[in-house]
Amino acid sequence: MSKKDIESAIVSVLTDAWCPQDLAKNAASILSEYYPDNTLIGATETEVRVVKQAQEYVRDSNG
């Protein structure tokens, strides 16, 4: 799977969970950089915050 495919899949999951498109794209870009080890080791505080915001939409949509 290419980085672009991974990014596209992540955007799809996030937007299906009602995550705003811009936030989904930003989070997908960040997560695809760290794939498959999504621990975000080395990520900036801003990158971690963006990913956490996006994750909240997924958690909320799973009720």
PDB file of N, CA and C in Angstrom:
ATOM      1  N   MET A   1       0.842  -1.166   0.000  1.00  0.00           N
ATOM      2  CA  MET A   1       0.000   0.000   0.000  1.00  0.00           C
ATOM      3  C   MET A   1       0.892   1.236   0.000  1.00  0.00           C
ATOM      4  N   SER A   2       0.627   2.137  -0.916  1.00  0.00           N
ATOM      5  CA  SER A   2       1.436   3.350  -0.992  1.00  0.00           C
ATOM      6  C   SER A   2       1.027   4.349   0.089  1.00  0.00           C
ATOM      7  N   LYS A   3       1.884   5.320   0.319  1.00  0.00           N
ATOM      8  CA  LYS A   3       1.589   6.360   1.311  1.00  0.00           C
ATOM      9  C   LYS A   3       0.296   7.082   0.951  1.00  0.00           C
ATOM     10  N   LYS A   4       0.078   7.329  -0.341  1.00  0.00           N
ATOM     11  CA  LYS A   4      -1.128   8.019  -0.802  1.00  0.00           C
ATOM     12  C   LYS A   4      -2.375   7.173  -0.524  1.00  0.00           C
ATOM     13  N   ASP A   5      -2.269   5.849  -0.724  1.00  0.00           N
ATOM     14  CA  ASP A   5      -3.387   4.948  -0.442  1.00  0.00           C
ATOM     15  C   ASP A   5      -3.714   4.936   1.048  1.00  0.00           C
ATOM     16  N   ILE A   6      -2.675   4.913   1.865  1.00  0.00           N
ATOM     17  CA  ILE A   6      -2.857   4.921   3.319  1.00  0.00           C
ATOM     18  C   ILE A   6      -3.541   6.217   3.746  1.00  0.00           C
ATOM     19  N   GLU A   7      -3.050   7.321   3.218  1.00  0.00           N
ATOM     20  CA  GLU A   7      -3.606   8.631   3.552  1.00  0.00           C
ATOM     21  C   GLU A   7      -5.082   8.703   3.147  1.00  0.00           C
ATOM     22  N   SER A   8      -5.401   8.211   1.965  1.00  0.00           N
ATOM     23  CA  SER A   8      -6.773   8.214   1.469  1.00  0.00           C
ATOM     24  C   SER A   8      -7.684   7.364   2.353  1.00  0.00           C
ATOM     25  N   ALA A   9      -7.196   6.204   2.782  1.00  0.00           N
ATOM     26  CA  ALA A   9      -7.983   5.328   3.645  1.00  0.00           C
ATOM     27  C   ALA A   9      -8.253   5.990   4.996  1.00  0.00           C
ATOM     28  N   ILE A  10      -7.257   6.654   5.537  1.00  0.00           N
ATOM     29  CA  ILE A  10      -7.418   7.334   6.827  1.00  0.00           C
ATOM     30  C   ILE A  10      -8.425   8.474   6.696  1.00  0.00           C
ATOM     31  N   VAL A  11      -8.337   9.259   5.639  1.00  0.00           N
ATOM     32  CA  VAL A  11      -9.286  10.350   5.413  1.00  0.00           C
ATOM     33  C   VAL A  11     -10.704   9.784   5.336  1.00  0.00           C
ATOM     34  N   SER A  12     -10.864   8.685   4.649  1.00  0.00           N
ATOM     35  CA  SER A  12     -12.175   8.066   4.503  1.00  0.00           C
ATOM     36  C   SER A  12     -12.760   7.663   5.861  1.00  0.00           C
ATOM     37  N   VAL A  13     -11.946   7.019   6.686  1.00  0.00           N
ATOM     38  CA  VAL A  13     -12.399   6.602   8.013  1.00  0.00           C
ATOM     39  C   VAL A  13     -12.782   7.823   8.848  1.00  0.00           C
ATOM     40  N   LEU A  14     -11.951   8.836   8.818  1.00  0.00           N
ATOM     41  CA  LEU A  14     -12.205  10.025   9.633  1.00  0.00           C
ATOM     42  C   LEU A  14     -13.438  10.783   9.171  1.00  0.00           C
ATOM     43  N   THR A  15     -13.598  10.966   7.871  1.00  0.00           N
ATOM     44  CA  THR A  15     -14.764  11.706   7.388  1.00  0.00           C
ATOM     45  C   THR A  15     -16.046  10.899   7.571  1.00  0.00           C
ATOM     46  N   ASP A  16     -15.967   9.579   7.527  1.00  0.00           N
ATOM     47  CA  ASP A  16     -17.132   8.739   7.834  1.00  0.00           C
ATOM     48  C   ASP A  16     -17.575   8.933   9.280  1.00  0.00           C
ATOM     49  N   ALA A  17     -16.636   9.330  10.135  1.00  0.00           N
ATOM     50  CA  ALA A  17     -16.928   9.580  11.548  1.00  0.00           C
ATOM     51  C   ALA A  17     -17.252  11.057  11.792  1.00  0.00           C
ATOM     52  N   TRP A  18     -17.596  11.775  10.733  1.00  0.00           N
ATOM     53  CA  TRP A  18     -17.988  13.194  10.796  1.00  0.00           C
ATOM     54  C   TRP A  18     -16.864  14.142  11.149  1.00  0.00           C
ATOM     55  N   CYS A  19     -15.644  13.716  10.974  1.00  0.00           N
ATOM     56  CA  CYS A  19     -14.494  14.586  11.187  1.00  0.00           C
ATOM     57  C   CYS A  19     -14.462  15.598  10.039  1.00  0.00           C
ATOM     58  N   PRO A  20     -14.275  16.887  10.335  1.00  0.00           N
ATOM     59  CA  PRO A  20     -14.184  17.885   9.264  1.00  0.00           C
ATOM     60  C   PRO A  20     -13.079  17.544   8.261  1.00  0.00           C
ATOM     61  N   GLN A  21     -13.336  17.804   7.004  1.00  0.00           N
ATOM     62  CA  GLN A  21     -12.429  17.427   5.917  1.00  0.00           C
ATOM     63  C   GLN A  21     -11.001  17.930   6.132  1.00  0.00           C
ATOM     64  N   ASP A  22     -10.836  19.192   6.489  1.00  0.00           N
ATOM     65  CA  ASP A  22      -9.485  19.743   6.681  1.00  0.00           C
ATOM     66  C   ASP A  22      -8.732  19.031   7.806  1.00  0.00           C
ATOM     67  N   LEU A  23      -9.426  18.793   8.912  1.00  0.00           N
ATOM     68  CA  LEU A  23      -8.809  18.092  10.035  1.00  0.00           C
ATOM     69  C   LEU A  23      -8.465  16.658   9.630  1.00  0.00           C
ATOM     70  N   ALA A  24      -9.360  16.011   8.909  1.00  0.00           N
ATOM     71  CA  ALA A  24      -9.119  14.637   8.452  1.00  0.00           C
ATOM     72  C   ALA A  24      -7.891  14.568   7.547  1.00  0.00           C
ATOM     73  N   LYS A  25      -7.769  15.513   6.632  1.00  0.00           N
ATOM     74  CA  LYS A  25      -6.621  15.529   5.726  1.00  0.00           C
ATOM     75  C   LYS A  25      -5.319  15.764   6.484  1.00  0.00           C
ATOM     76  N   ASN A  26      -5.343  16.693   7.421  1.00  0.00           N
ATOM     77  CA  ASN A  26      -4.138  16.973   8.212  1.00  0.00           C
ATOM     78  C   ASN A  26      -3.728  15.760   9.047  1.00  0.00           C
ATOM     79  N   ALA A  27      -4.697  15.161   9.720  1.00  0.00           N
ATOM     80  CA  ALA A  27      -4.398  13.994  10.553  1.00  0.00           C
ATOM     81  C   ALA A  27      -3.911  12.829   9.690  1.00  0.00           C
ATOM     82  N   ALA A  28      -4.525  12.624   8.548  1.00  0.00           N
ATOM     83  CA  ALA A  28      -4.121  11.533   7.658  1.00  0.00           C
ATOM     84  C   ALA A  28      -2.693  11.729   7.159  1.00  0.00           C
ATOM     85  N   SER A  29      -2.358  12.959   6.852  1.00  0.00           N
ATOM     86  CA  SER A  29      -0.999  13.253   6.399  1.00  0.00           C
ATOM     87  C   SER A  29       0.013  12.924   7.493  1.00  0.00           C
ATOM     88  N   ILE A  30      -0.310  13.310   8.706  1.00  0.00           N
ATOM     89  CA  ILE A  30       0.580  13.043   9.848  1.00  0.00           C
ATOM     90  C   ILE A  30       0.678  11.541  10.098  1.00  0.00           C
ATOM     91  N   LEU A  31      -0.474  10.875  10.172  1.00  0.00           N
ATOM     92  CA  LEU A  31      -0.469   9.440  10.464  1.00  0.00           C
ATOM     93  C   LEU A  31       0.233   8.632   9.385  1.00  0.00           C
ATOM     94  N   SER A  32       0.098   9.036   8.142  1.00  0.00           N
ATOM     95  CA  SER A  32       0.748   8.286   7.062  1.00  0.00           C
ATOM     96  C   SER A  32       2.274   8.404   7.135  1.00  0.00           C
ATOM     97  N   GLU A  33       2.764   9.485   7.728  1.00  0.00           N
ATOM     98  CA  GLU A  33       4.209   9.639   7.916  1.00  0.00           C
ATOM     99  C   GLU A  33       4.757   8.630   8.924  1.00  0.00           C
ATOM    100  N   TYR A  34       3.930   8.251   9.897  1.00  0.00           N
ATOM    101  CA  TYR A  34       4.364   7.368  10.972  1.00  0.00           C
ATOM    102  C   TYR A  34       3.872   5.936  10.791  1.00  0.00           C
ATOM    103  N   TYR A  35       3.159   5.648   9.703  1.00  0.00           N
ATOM    104  CA  TYR A  35       2.627   4.315   9.443  1.00  0.00           C
ATOM    105  C   TYR A  35       3.754   3.345   9.173  1.00  0.00           C
ATOM    106  N   PRO A  36       3.746   2.100   9.643  1.00  0.00           N
ATOM    107  CA  PRO A  36       2.687   1.444  10.406  1.00  0.00           C
ATOM    108  C   PRO A  36       2.825   1.624  11.920  1.00  0.00           C
ATOM    109  N   ASP A  37       3.877   2.256  12.374  1.00  0.00           N
ATOM    110  CA  ASP A  37       4.082   2.468  13.807  1.00  0.00           C
ATOM    111  C   ASP A  37       3.447   3.794  14.200  1.00  0.00           C
ATOM    112  N   ASN A  38       2.187   3.773  14.536  1.00  0.00           N
ATOM    113  CA  ASN A  38       1.439   5.003  14.811  1.00  0.00           C
ATOM    114  C   ASN A  38       1.638   5.536  16.218  1.00  0.00           C
ATOM    115  N   THR A  39       2.817   5.319  16.784  1.00  0.00           N
ATOM    116  CA  THR A  39       3.082   5.817  18.131  1.00  0.00           C
ATOM    117  C   THR A  39       3.376   7.314  18.141  1.00  0.00           C
ATOM    118  N   LEU A  40       3.625   7.882  16.971  1.00  0.00           N
ATOM    119  CA  LEU A  40       3.913   9.310  16.814  1.00  0.00           C
ATOM    120  C   LEU A  40       5.191   9.743  17.531  1.00  0.00           C
ATOM    121  N   ILE A  41       6.107   8.807  17.740  1.00  0.00           N
ATOM    122  CA  ILE A  41       7.395   9.155  18.341  1.00  0.00           C
ATOM    123  C   ILE A  41       8.121  10.104  17.385  1.00  0.00           C
ATOM    124  N   GLY A  42       8.504  11.254  17.910  1.00  0.00           N
ATOM    125  CA  GLY A  42       9.163  12.263  17.094  1.00  0.00           C
ATOM    126  C   GLY A  42       8.219  13.305  16.530  1.00  0.00           C
ATOM    127  N   ALA A  43       6.916  13.115  16.732  1.00  0.00           N
ATOM    128  CA  ALA A  43       5.941  14.088  16.248  1.00  0.00           C
ATOM    129  C   ALA A  43       5.965  15.336  17.123  1.00  0.00           C
ATOM    130  N   THR A  44       5.624  16.461  16.532  1.00  0.00           N
ATOM    131  CA  THR A  44       5.546  17.701  17.303  1.00  0.00           C
ATOM    132  C   THR A  44       4.272  17.695  18.146  1.00  0.00           C
ATOM    133  N   GLU A  45       4.217  18.591  19.105  1.00  0.00           N
ATOM    134  CA  GLU A  45       3.008  18.717  19.937  1.00  0.00           C
ATOM    135  C   GLU A  45       1.798  19.049  19.074  1.00  0.00           C
ATOM    136  N   THR A  46       1.990  19.871  18.078  1.00  0.00           N
ATOM    137  CA  THR A  46       0.889  20.251  17.184  1.00  0.00           C
ATOM    138  C   THR A  46       0.390  19.031  16.413  1.00  0.00           C
ATOM    139  N   GLU A  47       1.308  18.211  15.907  1.00  0.00           N
ATOM    140  CA  GLU A  47       0.905  17.009  15.177  1.00  0.00           C
ATOM    141  C   GLU A  47       0.121  16.060  16.075  1.00  0.00           C
ATOM    142  N   VAL A  48       0.582  15.873  17.286  1.00  0.00           N
ATOM    143  CA  VAL A  48      -0.107  14.997  18.232  1.00  0.00           C
ATOM    144  C   VAL A  48      -1.496  15.545  18.529  1.00  0.00           C
ATOM    145  N   ARG A  49      -1.611  16.839  18.714  1.00  0.00           N
ATOM    146  CA  ARG A  49      -2.903  17.468  19.009  1.00  0.00           C
ATOM    147  C   ARG A  49      -3.881  17.270  17.843  1.00  0.00           C
ATOM    148  N   VAL A  50      -3.411  17.442  16.621  1.00  0.00           N
ATOM    149  CA  VAL A  50      -4.262  17.262  15.435  1.00  0.00           C
ATOM    150  C   VAL A  50      -4.785  15.825  15.372  1.00  0.00           C
ATOM    151  N   VAL A  51      -3.899  14.862  15.583  1.00  0.00           N
ATOM    152  CA  VAL A  51      -4.301  13.458  15.535  1.00  0.00           C
ATOM    153  C   VAL A  51      -5.304  13.153  16.649  1.00  0.00           C
ATOM    154  N   LYS A  52      -5.068  13.663  17.834  1.00  0.00           N
ATOM    155  CA  LYS A  52      -5.994  13.423  18.944  1.00  0.00           C
ATOM    156  C   LYS A  52      -7.367  14.031  18.666  1.00  0.00           C
ATOM    157  N   GLN A  53      -7.400  15.223  18.070  1.00  0.00           N
ATOM    158  CA  GLN A  53      -8.685  15.845  17.719  1.00  0.00           C
ATOM    159  C   GLN A  53      -9.446  14.960  16.737  1.00  0.00           C
ATOM    160  N   ALA A  54      -8.758  14.456  15.740  1.00  0.00           N
ATOM    161  CA  ALA A  54      -9.397  13.589  14.749  1.00  0.00           C
ATOM    162  C   ALA A  54      -9.875  12.290  15.396  1.00  0.00           C
ATOM    163  N   GLN A  55      -9.086  11.731  16.289  1.00  0.00           N
ATOM    164  CA  GLN A  55      -9.460  10.488  16.958  1.00  0.00           C
ATOM    165  C   GLN A  55     -10.736  10.657  17.776  1.00  0.00           C
ATOM    166  N   GLU A  56     -10.946  11.829  18.327  1.00  0.00           N
ATOM    167  CA  GLU A  56     -12.154  12.078  19.118  1.00  0.00           C
ATOM    168  C   GLU A  56     -13.421  11.907  18.272  1.00  0.00           C
ATOM    169  N   TYR A  57     -13.363  12.300  17.024  1.00  0.00           N
ATOM    170  CA  TYR A  57     -14.526  12.122  16.152  1.00  0.00           C
ATOM    171  C   TYR A  57     -14.830  10.639  15.970  1.00  0.00           C
ATOM    172  N   VAL A  58     -13.794   9.838  15.823  1.00  0.00           N
ATOM    173  CA  VAL A  58     -13.991   8.400  15.645  1.00  0.00           C
ATOM    174  C   VAL A  58     -14.559   7.796  16.929  1.00  0.00           C
ATOM    175  N   ARG A  59     -14.003   8.163  18.055  1.00  0.00           N
ATOM    176  CA  ARG A  59     -14.504   7.650  19.334  1.00  0.00           C
ATOM    177  C   ARG A  59     -15.963   8.046  19.537  1.00  0.00           C
ATOM    178  N   ASP A  60     -16.292   9.298  19.274  1.00  0.00           N
ATOM    179  CA  ASP A  60     -17.658   9.779  19.452  1.00  0.00           C
ATOM    180  C   ASP A  60     -18.641   9.086  18.518  1.00  0.00           C
ATOM    181  N   SER A  61     -18.197   8.771  17.300  1.00  0.00           N
ATOM    182  CA  SER A  61     -19.094   8.142  16.331  1.00  0.00           C
ATOM    183  C   SER A  61     -19.349   6.673  16.678  1.00  0.00           C
ATOM    184  N   ASN A  62     -18.457   6.081  17.455  1.00  0.00           N
ATOM    185  CA  ASN A  62     -18.637   4.687  17.868  1.00  0.00           C
ATOM    186  C   ASN A  62     -19.472   4.557  19.132  1.00  0.00           C
ATOM    187  N   GLY A  63     -19.854   5.716  19.678  1.00  0.00           N
ATOM    188  CA  GLY A  63     -20.732   5.845  20.807  1.00  0.00           C
ATOM    189  C   GLY A  63     -20.423   5.018  21.971  1.00  0.00           C
TER     190      GLY A  63
END
